[in-house]
Amino acid sequence: MDERDLELLKVAQDGILFTERPYQILGEMVGMSEQEVVDRLRALQDEGIIRRFAATIGHRALGIVANAMIAWRAPSEDIERVGELLGSVDEVTHCYERATTPDWPYNLYTMVHSTSKEDCLDRARRFSQLSGITEYRVLFSEFEYKKTSARI
């Protein structure tokens, strides 16, 4: 990664315009051609410097007001299977393994979003049946303080 890549990432991290030629506009901001912007972003992604380049949606504006993290107690010898299974479910947006503590035995976490808490609870019950994991807790977000990506 060189200084030009860094400059491009600093501009791109604030979001790109929803327009017919967003890469052309990014290029104009940093003195690059549209093709150079596309080539550099693709190379940064291929090298693993950029993990993903995606749009974000204001989910609350769409009526998605229930956000639930489901904490699962999966047997350590089965966690890879369960994690891959639950991580492949379309409704799951995040799936992570974490260490347990003496007072919190849950080691796998999935995140779901919906228009109601009851729907999130229904999903948790369905995921439990699918995975065979019966020990879980559903934790709901109460308030979103801030949501941003990593910054350069």
Foldseek 3Di string as FASTA:
>chain_A
DDPLLVLLCQVCQVPFDPDPQRLCVSCVVRVHHSVVSVVSVVVCCVVVVDVDDDDDDPVVVVQFDKKKKKFFQDDPVCVVVLQVVVVPDPQWPDKAADDADPVGRTGIITMGIGNDPVVVVVVVVVSCVVRVTDDMDIDIDDDDDDDGDDHD
